[in-house]
N, C-alpha and C. Protein backbone atom coordinates (compact mmCIF):
# COMPACT_ATOMS: atom_id res chain seq x y z
N UNK A 1 -78.20 7.65 84.42
CA UNK A 1 -79.19 8.66 84.25
C UNK A 1 -80.27 7.90 85.33
N UNK A 2 -79.90 8.01 86.68
CA UNK A 2 -81.10 7.50 87.24
C UNK A 2 -82.57 7.08 87.03
N UNK A 3 -83.68 6.52 87.31
CA UNK A 3 -84.85 6.95 87.05
C UNK A 3 -85.78 7.75 87.91
N UNK A 4 -87.07 8.33 87.74
CA UNK A 4 -86.60 9.59 88.78
C UNK A 4 -87.93 8.09 90.37
N UNK A 5 -87.34 8.86 91.19
CA UNK A 5 -87.27 8.90 92.43
C UNK A 5 -88.50 10.00 93.12
N UNK A 6 -89.16 8.87 94.78
CA UNK A 6 -90.02 9.59 95.46
C UNK A 6 -89.17 9.27 97.10
N UNK A 7 -89.54 10.77 97.41
CA UNK A 7 -88.53 10.42 98.50
C UNK A 7 -89.66 10.44 100.10
N UNK A 8 -90.46 8.76 100.43
CA UNK A 8 -91.10 9.13 101.22
C UNK A 8 -90.52 9.50 102.48
N UNK A 9 -90.68 10.56 104.11
CA UNK A 9 -90.63 10.50 104.77
C UNK A 9 -91.59 9.59 106.46
N UNK A 10 -91.53 9.83 107.71
CA UNK A 10 -92.05 9.59 108.22
C UNK A 10 -91.05 10.29 108.91
N UNK A 11 -91.85 11.43 110.51
CA UNK A 11 -91.60 12.34 110.55
C UNK A 11 -91.54 12.21 111.99
N UNK A 12 -90.06 12.68 113.09
CA UNK A 12 -90.33 12.65 114.32
C UNK A 12 -89.85 13.54 114.84
N UNK A 13 -89.17 14.59 115.66
CA UNK A 13 -88.43 14.97 116.58
C UNK A 13 -87.04 14.02 116.76
N UNK A 14 -87.12 13.33 117.77
CA UNK A 14 -86.08 12.48 117.63
C UNK A 14 -85.16 11.75 116.09
N UNK A 15 -85.91 11.04 115.64
CA UNK A 15 -85.86 10.67 114.63
C UNK A 15 -86.43 10.47 113.19
N UNK A 16 -86.41 10.72 112.35
CA UNK A 16 -87.51 10.78 110.55
C UNK A 16 -87.50 9.69 109.81
N UNK A 17 -87.16 8.40 109.18
CA UNK A 17 -87.20 8.16 108.43
C UNK A 17 -87.46 8.82 107.38
N UNK A 18 -86.41 8.93 106.14
CA UNK A 18 -86.53 8.46 104.60
C UNK A 18 -85.58 8.18 104.14
N UNK A 19 -86.56 7.88 103.28
CA UNK A 19 -86.37 6.63 101.44
C UNK A 19 -86.38 6.95 100.66
N UNK A 20 -85.56 7.29 99.86
CA UNK A 20 -85.32 7.61 98.57
C UNK A 20 -86.06 6.49 97.55
N UNK A 21 -87.41 5.65 96.72
CA UNK A 21 -87.83 4.58 96.12
C UNK A 21 -87.21 4.66 95.11
N UNK A 22 -87.87 4.37 93.39
CA UNK A 22 -88.07 4.16 92.43
C UNK A 22 -88.54 2.60 91.82
N UNK A 23 -89.04 3.25 91.26
CA UNK A 23 -89.88 2.20 90.04
C UNK A 23 -89.69 2.25 88.52
N UNK A 24 -88.77 0.95 88.73
CA UNK A 24 -89.15 1.11 87.05
C UNK A 24 -88.73 -0.60 86.18
N UNK A 25 -89.62 -0.63 85.25
CA UNK A 25 -90.67 -1.95 84.88
C UNK A 25 -91.59 -3.18 85.99
N UNK A 26 -92.40 -1.97 87.28
CA UNK A 26 -92.88 -2.43 87.73
C UNK A 26 -92.07 -3.37 89.16
N UNK A 27 -91.08 -3.19 89.25
CA UNK A 27 -90.20 -3.23 90.70
C UNK A 27 -90.46 -2.07 90.95
N UNK A 28 -90.19 -2.26 92.32
CA UNK A 28 -90.01 -1.49 93.35
C UNK A 28 -88.44 -1.39 94.09
N UNK A 29 -87.97 -0.56 93.40
CA UNK A 29 -86.25 -0.53 94.37
C UNK A 29 -86.29 0.24 95.72
N UNK A 30 -85.38 0.29 96.76
CA UNK A 30 -84.94 1.35 98.05
C UNK A 30 -83.47 1.31 97.13
N UNK A 31 -83.65 2.65 96.11
CA UNK A 31 -82.01 3.26 96.37
C UNK A 31 -81.15 4.63 97.23
N UNK A 32 -82.05 3.94 98.99
CA UNK A 32 -81.01 5.19 100.05
C UNK A 32 -81.87 4.86 101.04
N UNK A 33 -81.63 4.88 101.59
CA UNK A 33 -82.88 5.24 102.91
C UNK A 33 -81.98 5.74 104.01
N UNK A 34 -83.03 6.16 105.34
CA UNK A 34 -81.62 6.57 106.28
C UNK A 34 -83.41 6.72 107.91
N UNK A 35 -82.48 6.97 108.39
CA UNK A 35 -83.00 6.83 109.96
C UNK A 35 -82.55 8.31 110.20
N UNK A 36 -82.60 10.01 110.55
CA UNK A 36 -81.84 10.79 111.17
C UNK A 36 -82.60 11.49 111.89
N UNK A 37 -81.69 10.63 112.60
CA UNK A 37 -81.42 11.74 114.64
C UNK A 37 -80.62 12.46 115.71
N UNK A 38 -81.71 13.03 115.07
CA UNK A 38 -81.47 14.46 116.42
C UNK A 38 -80.83 14.68 118.37
N UNK A 39 -79.45 14.98 118.67
CA UNK A 39 -79.56 15.00 120.11
C UNK A 39 -80.63 15.37 120.92
N UNK A 40 -80.52 14.94 122.53
CA UNK A 40 -82.04 14.80 123.24
C UNK A 40 -81.87 16.09 123.66
N UNK A 41 -79.98 16.51 124.11
CA UNK A 41 -79.66 16.81 125.14
C UNK A 41 -79.53 18.62 124.37
N UNK A 42 -80.77 18.34 122.81
CA UNK A 42 -80.52 20.50 122.11
C UNK A 42 -81.43 20.54 122.62
N UNK A 43 -82.14 21.72 122.42
CA UNK A 43 -83.34 22.51 122.46
C UNK A 43 -83.74 22.01 120.72
N UNK A 44 -85.31 22.49 121.00
CA UNK A 44 -85.68 21.95 120.28
C UNK A 44 -85.93 22.42 118.82
N UNK A 45 -85.09 23.42 118.31
CA UNK A 45 -85.37 24.23 117.55
C UNK A 45 -83.83 24.07 116.68
N UNK A 46 -82.67 23.28 117.77
CA UNK A 46 -81.34 23.26 117.27
C UNK A 46 -82.11 22.14 116.46
N UNK A 47 -82.77 21.10 116.52
CA UNK A 47 -82.66 19.61 116.74
C UNK A 47 -84.20 19.95 115.52
N UNK A 48 -84.92 20.85 114.92
CA UNK A 48 -85.53 21.46 114.05
C UNK A 48 -83.97 21.85 113.03
N UNK A 49 -83.61 22.62 113.13
CA UNK A 49 -83.06 23.15 111.85
C UNK A 49 -81.74 21.49 111.73
N UNK A 50 -81.50 21.38 112.44
CA UNK A 50 -80.65 19.66 112.15
C UNK A 50 -81.46 19.05 111.01
N UNK A 51 -82.70 18.66 111.40
CA UNK A 51 -83.91 18.18 109.92
C UNK A 51 -83.78 18.83 108.92
N UNK A 52 -84.46 19.87 108.99
CA UNK A 52 -84.31 20.51 108.47
C UNK A 52 -83.62 20.58 107.68
N UNK A 53 -82.40 20.46 107.91
CA UNK A 53 -80.47 19.72 107.02
C UNK A 53 -80.31 19.51 106.27
N UNK A 54 -80.79 17.94 107.06
CA UNK A 54 -80.27 16.76 107.07
C UNK A 54 -81.02 16.49 105.17
N UNK A 55 -82.50 17.03 105.14
CA UNK A 55 -84.19 16.58 104.24
C UNK A 55 -83.52 17.85 102.93
N UNK A 56 -83.19 18.98 103.31
CA UNK A 56 -82.60 19.43 102.34
C UNK A 56 -80.94 18.80 101.59
N UNK A 57 -80.48 18.15 101.89
CA UNK A 57 -79.65 17.60 101.86
C UNK A 57 -79.58 16.38 101.09
N UNK A 58 -80.90 15.66 101.37
CA UNK A 58 -81.66 14.67 101.07
C UNK A 58 -82.08 14.87 99.17
N UNK A 59 -82.91 15.85 99.46
CA UNK A 59 -83.51 15.98 98.53
C UNK A 59 -82.21 16.27 97.56
N UNK A 60 -81.57 17.27 98.03
CA UNK A 60 -80.27 18.25 96.65
C UNK A 60 -79.67 16.46 96.13
N UNK A 61 -79.64 15.58 96.99
CA UNK A 61 -78.81 14.90 96.62
C UNK A 61 -78.85 13.28 95.15
N UNK A 62 -80.64 13.46 96.77
CA UNK A 62 -81.92 11.73 95.57
C UNK A 62 -82.00 12.93 94.22
N UNK A 63 -82.58 14.54 94.09
CA UNK A 63 -83.28 14.99 94.00
C UNK A 63 -85.31 13.98 92.77
N UNK A 64 -86.39 13.70 94.62
CA UNK A 64 -87.13 13.61 93.92
C UNK A 64 -88.33 14.15 93.13
N UNK A 65 -88.60 13.26 92.42
CA UNK A 65 -89.85 14.04 91.21
C UNK A 65 -91.10 14.59 92.21
N UNK A 66 -91.37 13.78 93.48
CA UNK A 66 -91.83 14.10 94.39
C UNK A 66 -92.04 13.59 96.24
N UNK A 67 -92.48 13.88 97.04
CA UNK A 67 -92.09 14.02 98.36
C UNK A 67 -93.62 13.46 99.09
N UNK A 68 -93.17 11.91 99.70
CA UNK A 68 -94.64 11.76 100.65
C UNK A 68 -94.35 11.20 101.81
N UNK A 69 -95.27 12.50 102.84
CA UNK A 69 -94.87 12.22 104.10
C UNK A 69 -96.32 12.17 105.19
N UNK A 70 -96.01 10.99 106.15
CA UNK A 70 -96.99 10.78 106.18
C UNK A 70 -98.04 12.09 107.61
N UNK A 71 -98.92 11.87 107.43
CA UNK A 71 -99.11 12.74 108.03
C UNK A 71 -99.83 12.81 109.73
N UNK A 72 -99.66 13.61 110.22
CA UNK A 72 -99.58 13.88 111.98
C UNK A 72 -101.24 13.41 112.98
N UNK A 73 -100.86 12.32 112.95
CA UNK A 73 -102.59 11.60 114.21
C UNK A 73 -102.11 13.03 115.25
N UNK A 74 -104.04 13.19 115.38
CA UNK A 74 -104.22 13.96 116.98
C UNK A 74 -104.74 12.90 117.56
N UNK A 75 -103.53 12.57 118.59
CA UNK A 75 -104.26 11.73 119.80
C UNK A 75 -105.01 11.16 120.97
N UNK A 76 -103.84 10.84 121.62
CA UNK A 76 -104.18 11.53 123.56
C UNK A 76 -102.99 11.72 123.53
N UNK A 77 -102.67 11.68 122.81
CA UNK A 77 -100.03 12.87 123.35
C UNK A 77 -100.48 13.37 122.10
N UNK A 78 -101.26 14.61 122.63
CA UNK A 78 -100.99 15.91 122.03
C UNK A 78 -99.52 16.68 121.66
N UNK A 79 -98.86 16.39 123.16
CA UNK A 79 -97.40 16.82 123.50
C UNK A 79 -96.75 16.47 122.02
N UNK A 80 -96.50 14.99 121.96
CA UNK A 80 -96.02 14.34 120.89
C UNK A 80 -95.79 14.28 119.97
N UNK A 81 -98.00 14.65 119.74
CA UNK A 81 -98.44 15.27 117.78
C UNK A 81 -97.39 16.32 118.30
N UNK A 82 -98.06 17.35 118.34
CA UNK A 82 -96.77 18.34 118.69
C UNK A 82 -95.73 18.40 117.87
N UNK A 83 -95.11 17.75 117.93
CA UNK A 83 -93.81 17.95 118.14
C UNK A 83 -93.31 17.66 117.09
N UNK A 84 -94.27 16.25 116.59
CA UNK A 84 -94.41 15.65 115.61
C UNK A 84 -94.94 16.41 113.86
N UNK A 85 -95.16 17.99 114.92
CA UNK A 85 -96.55 17.89 113.39
C UNK A 85 -95.24 19.43 113.34
N UNK A 86 -94.13 19.41 114.23
CA UNK A 86 -92.79 21.16 113.41
C UNK A 86 -92.43 20.75 112.56
N UNK A 87 -91.17 19.46 112.91
CA UNK A 87 -91.15 18.20 112.22
C UNK A 87 -91.02 18.43 111.13
N UNK A 88 -93.02 17.74 110.74
CA UNK A 88 -93.99 18.19 109.93
C UNK A 88 -93.92 19.38 108.32
N UNK A 89 -93.58 20.57 109.66
CA UNK A 89 -93.46 21.60 108.83
C UNK A 89 -92.11 21.92 108.93
N UNK A 90 -91.15 21.37 109.10
CA UNK A 90 -89.53 22.06 108.77
C UNK A 90 -88.65 20.63 107.12
N UNK A 91 -89.61 19.87 107.18
CA UNK A 91 -89.07 18.69 106.06
C UNK A 91 -90.03 19.83 104.93
N UNK A 92 -91.27 19.88 105.05
CA UNK A 92 -92.33 20.87 104.68
C UNK A 92 -91.98 21.61 103.42
N UNK A 93 -91.33 22.46 104.35
CA UNK A 93 -90.70 23.98 104.17
C UNK A 93 -89.12 23.35 103.17
N UNK A 94 -88.53 21.49 104.12
CA UNK A 94 -87.12 22.30 102.49
C UNK A 94 -87.79 21.77 101.14
N UNK A 95 -89.33 20.72 101.53
CA UNK A 95 -89.23 20.31 100.03
C UNK A 95 -90.31 21.80 99.31
N UNK A 96 -90.72 22.56 99.78
CA UNK A 96 -91.49 24.33 99.70
C UNK A 96 -89.86 24.33 98.44
N UNK A 97 -88.79 24.66 99.58
CA UNK A 97 -87.70 25.20 98.49
C UNK A 97 -86.91 24.68 97.57
N UNK A 98 -87.02 23.73 97.00
CA UNK A 98 -87.06 22.91 96.28
C UNK A 98 -87.22 22.67 95.09
N UNK A 99 -88.57 22.65 95.18
CA UNK A 99 -89.45 23.01 94.18
C UNK A 99 -90.37 21.71 93.96
N UNK A 100 -90.07 20.42 94.97
CA UNK A 100 -90.50 19.82 95.18
C UNK A 100 -92.36 19.14 95.71
N UNK A 101 -93.11 19.04 95.01
CA UNK A 101 -94.53 18.97 94.85
C UNK A 101 -94.62 17.02 96.41
N UNK A 102 -95.65 17.86 97.52
CA UNK A 102 -95.56 17.05 98.69
C UNK A 102 -96.72 16.68 98.25
N UNK A 103 -97.36 15.16 99.14
CA UNK A 103 -98.10 15.15 99.07
C UNK A 103 -98.72 14.08 100.38
N UNK A 104 -99.64 14.13 101.36
CA UNK A 104 -99.35 13.85 102.68
C UNK A 104 -100.35 12.70 102.70
N UNK A 105 -99.97 11.63 103.82
CA UNK A 105 -101.34 10.42 103.72
C UNK A 105 -100.82 10.14 105.64
N UNK A 106 -101.57 9.63 105.84
CA UNK A 106 -102.47 9.37 107.10
C UNK A 106 -102.13 7.78 107.43
N UNK A 107 -101.01 7.70 108.08
CA UNK A 107 -101.22 6.72 108.93
C UNK A 107 -101.78 5.21 108.14
N UNK A 108 -103.59 4.68 108.95
CA UNK A 108 -103.49 4.00 108.36
C UNK A 108 -103.67 3.74 106.38
N UNK A 109 -103.56 4.93 105.43
CA UNK A 109 -103.91 4.68 104.14
C UNK A 109 -102.26 4.07 103.72
N UNK A 110 -101.12 4.70 104.88
CA UNK A 110 -100.54 3.38 104.43
C UNK A 110 -100.26 2.28 104.32
N UNK A 111 -100.24 1.79 105.84
CA UNK A 111 -101.04 0.63 106.31
C UNK A 111 -101.77 -0.01 105.43
N UNK A 112 -102.49 0.28 104.26
CA UNK A 112 -104.05 -0.85 104.04
C UNK A 112 -103.14 -0.49 102.16
N UNK A 113 -102.50 0.45 102.31
CA UNK A 113 -101.93 0.39 100.61
C UNK A 113 -100.37 -0.80 100.94
N UNK A 114 -100.16 -0.60 102.01
CA UNK A 114 -99.37 -2.25 101.80
C UNK A 114 -98.84 -3.60 102.47
N UNK A 115 -100.12 -3.03 103.48
CA UNK A 115 -100.25 -4.60 104.25
C UNK A 115 -102.46 -5.10 103.58
N UNK A 116 -102.89 -3.75 103.08
CA UNK A 116 -104.49 -4.84 103.53
C UNK A 116 -105.32 -4.06 104.42
N UNK A 117 -105.04 -4.13 105.91
CA UNK A 117 -104.93 -3.36 106.31
C UNK A 117 -104.22 -2.31 107.25
N UNK A 118 -106.04 -1.57 107.99
CA UNK A 118 -105.59 -0.07 107.75
C UNK A 118 -104.34 -0.40 109.67
N UNK A 119 -104.59 -1.33 110.82
CA UNK A 119 -103.37 -1.35 111.66
C UNK A 119 -103.10 -2.35 112.12
N UNK A 120 -102.62 -2.56 110.63
CA UNK A 120 -100.86 -3.91 111.12
C UNK A 120 -100.15 -2.44 111.29
N UNK A 121 -98.97 -4.21 112.10
CA UNK A 121 -98.13 -3.12 112.95
C UNK A 121 -96.59 -3.31 112.63
N UNK A 122 -95.67 -2.66 112.55
CA UNK A 122 -95.04 -2.50 111.78
C UNK A 122 -93.73 -3.59 111.93
N UNK A 123 -94.12 -4.93 112.29
CA UNK A 123 -93.36 -6.11 111.69
C UNK A 123 -93.84 -6.06 110.30
N UNK A 124 -95.47 -6.08 110.31
CA UNK A 124 -96.24 -6.85 109.40
C UNK A 124 -96.10 -6.04 108.11
N UNK A 125 -95.85 -4.45 108.05
CA UNK A 125 -95.32 -3.50 107.71
C UNK A 125 -93.74 -4.39 105.64
N UNK A 126 -92.90 -3.98 106.87
CA UNK A 126 -91.78 -4.44 106.47
C UNK A 126 -91.88 -5.72 105.64
N UNK A 127 -93.03 -6.77 106.85
CA UNK A 127 -92.62 -7.91 105.95
C UNK A 127 -93.41 -8.33 104.30
N UNK A 128 -94.78 -7.04 104.36
CA UNK A 128 -95.06 -6.50 103.05
C UNK A 128 -94.29 -6.29 102.19
N UNK A 129 -94.17 -5.06 102.49
CA UNK A 129 -92.68 -4.51 102.23
C UNK A 129 -91.34 -5.73 100.82
N UNK A 130 -90.85 -6.43 101.79
CA UNK A 130 -90.41 -7.68 101.15
C UNK A 130 -92.12 -8.30 100.54
N UNK A 131 -92.39 -8.75 100.65
CA UNK A 131 -92.93 -9.99 100.44
C UNK A 131 -93.92 -10.36 99.85
N UNK A 132 -94.46 -8.79 99.71
CA UNK A 132 -95.36 -8.45 99.10
C UNK A 132 -95.51 -7.79 98.05
N UNK A 133 -95.41 -6.89 98.35
CA UNK A 133 -94.51 -5.50 96.71
C UNK A 133 -92.79 -6.17 96.09
N UNK A 134 -92.29 -7.05 96.77
CA UNK A 134 -90.67 -7.21 96.57
C UNK A 134 -90.15 -6.43 96.53
N UNK A 135 -90.48 -5.52 97.12
CA UNK A 135 -89.63 -4.01 97.75
C UNK A 135 -87.74 -4.76 97.04
N UNK A 136 -87.30 -4.47 96.42
CA UNK A 136 -85.90 -5.09 96.95
C UNK A 136 -85.03 -3.97 98.30
N UNK A 137 -83.95 -3.75 99.52
CA UNK A 137 -83.58 -3.10 99.81
C UNK A 137 -84.49 -2.37 100.74
N UNK A 138 -85.59 -3.16 101.66
CA UNK A 138 -86.21 -2.79 102.83
C UNK A 138 -84.99 -2.38 103.75
N UNK A 139 -84.78 -1.35 104.33
CA UNK A 139 -83.98 -1.29 105.54
C UNK A 139 -84.86 -2.39 106.93
N UNK A 140 -82.78 -1.99 107.70
CA UNK A 140 -83.65 -2.73 109.04
C UNK A 140 -83.77 -2.16 110.24
N UNK A 141 -83.91 -0.59 109.48
CA UNK A 141 -84.88 0.31 110.86
C UNK A 141 -85.78 0.23 110.64
N UNK A 142 -86.90 0.96 111.31
CA UNK A 142 -87.90 0.39 111.77
C UNK A 142 -88.33 1.73 110.99
N UNK A 143 -87.70 3.17 111.46
CA UNK A 143 -88.10 4.67 111.03
C UNK A 143 -87.46 4.23 109.41
N UNK A 144 -87.07 4.30 109.58
CA UNK A 144 -86.94 3.90 107.54
C UNK A 144 -87.40 3.63 106.93
N UNK A 145 -87.98 1.56 106.68
CA UNK A 145 -88.34 1.32 106.90
C UNK A 145 -90.28 1.10 106.30
N UNK A 146 -90.59 3.06 107.56
CA UNK A 146 -91.48 2.93 107.16
C UNK A 146 -91.60 4.82 106.62
N UNK A 147 -90.54 4.62 106.15
CA UNK A 147 -89.98 6.14 105.58
C UNK A 147 -90.59 5.08 103.95
N UNK A 148 -90.11 3.47 103.86
CA UNK A 148 -90.41 3.41 102.21
C UNK A 148 -91.67 3.22 102.74
N UNK A 149 -92.54 2.60 103.31
CA UNK A 149 -93.84 1.93 103.01
C UNK A 149 -94.23 3.83 102.81
N UNK A 150 -94.45 4.28 103.23
CA UNK A 150 -94.61 5.96 102.52
C UNK A 150 -94.55 6.31 101.49
N UNK A 151 -93.73 5.64 100.20
CA UNK A 151 -93.19 6.03 99.73
C UNK A 151 -93.93 5.08 98.37
N UNK A 152 -94.48 3.59 99.04
CA UNK A 152 -94.46 2.81 98.50
C UNK A 152 -96.20 3.18 98.29
N UNK A 153 -96.17 3.81 99.10
CA UNK A 153 -98.55 4.04 99.03
C UNK A 153 -98.15 5.07 98.16
N UNK A 154 -97.57 6.16 98.01
CA UNK A 154 -97.69 7.06 96.73
C UNK A 154 -97.88 6.85 95.67
N UNK A 155 -96.85 5.65 95.46
CA UNK A 155 -96.01 5.41 94.51
C UNK A 155 -97.63 4.69 94.17
N UNK A 156 -98.31 4.23 94.59
CA UNK A 156 -99.45 3.56 94.93
C UNK A 156 -100.90 3.86 94.61
N UNK A 157 -100.88 5.43 94.83
CA UNK A 157 -101.85 6.30 94.69
C UNK A 157 -101.37 7.60 94.05
N UNK A 158 -100.81 7.86 94.62
CA UNK A 158 -100.52 9.02 93.89
C UNK A 158 -101.21 9.53 92.39
N UNK A 159 -101.65 8.20 90.83
CA UNK A 159 -102.54 8.77 89.53
C UNK A 159 -103.97 8.85 90.36
N UNK A 160 -104.18 8.47 91.03
CA UNK A 160 -105.90 8.74 91.50
C UNK A 160 -105.65 9.49 92.68
N UNK A 161 -104.97 10.65 93.25
CA UNK A 161 -104.98 11.68 93.56
C UNK A 161 -105.55 12.52 92.49
N UNK A 162 -104.74 12.50 91.21
CA UNK A 162 -104.70 13.92 90.16
C UNK A 162 -106.08 13.38 89.71
N UNK A 163 -105.92 12.76 89.62
CA UNK A 163 -107.50 12.28 88.09
C UNK A 163 -108.51 12.61 89.23
N UNK A 164 -108.42 12.44 90.37
CA UNK A 164 -109.89 13.12 91.04
C UNK A 164 -109.16 14.77 91.42
N UNK A 165 -108.37 15.89 90.96
CA UNK A 165 -108.87 16.57 91.34
C UNK A 165 -108.52 16.76 90.34
N UNK A 166 -108.61 16.36 89.56
CA UNK A 166 -108.25 17.49 87.76
C UNK A 166 -110.11 16.75 87.70
N UNK A 167 -111.04 15.52 88.15
CA UNK A 167 -112.19 15.64 88.09
C UNK A 167 -112.59 17.11 89.11
N UNK A 168 -112.75 17.17 90.30
CA UNK A 168 -113.12 18.12 91.37
C UNK A 168 -112.63 19.47 90.50
N UNK A 169 -111.97 19.65 89.84
CA UNK A 169 -111.65 21.22 89.12
C UNK A 169 -113.43 21.62 87.93
């Protein structure tokens, strides 16, 4: 039997990173990671449907205990942020349909959890995953590695978030 896993997701319409990550005996291991790509020549609803199907399959295959997703940031490019928000919506839908609880993390939260710096670049995040956290199996694809970072952040933060919610009640 596999140890319980967290499914980390770095959302996007063109490409979404997804990673099934486990922790056992203090070691973090990537069980599976992939970048889901959708064809640019398809309309957005079709691309979102493909993303939903792929996420639903990943959830069914890896049976995560929880899903961690990077929260969309509304910056200067609101058109791009809207597309990422729509992708996040179908990701949340796939999790809800499977009964998998979801936690969202801001990009800076993920970077701080992994590197200690909120403004860290993608190379630094990848390097910290492999070297500082000794994560086994960090994928070479940027989006998939970002999904691993989201899952690692969740593994570090989940207990604190649950405790804070319990105190707030």
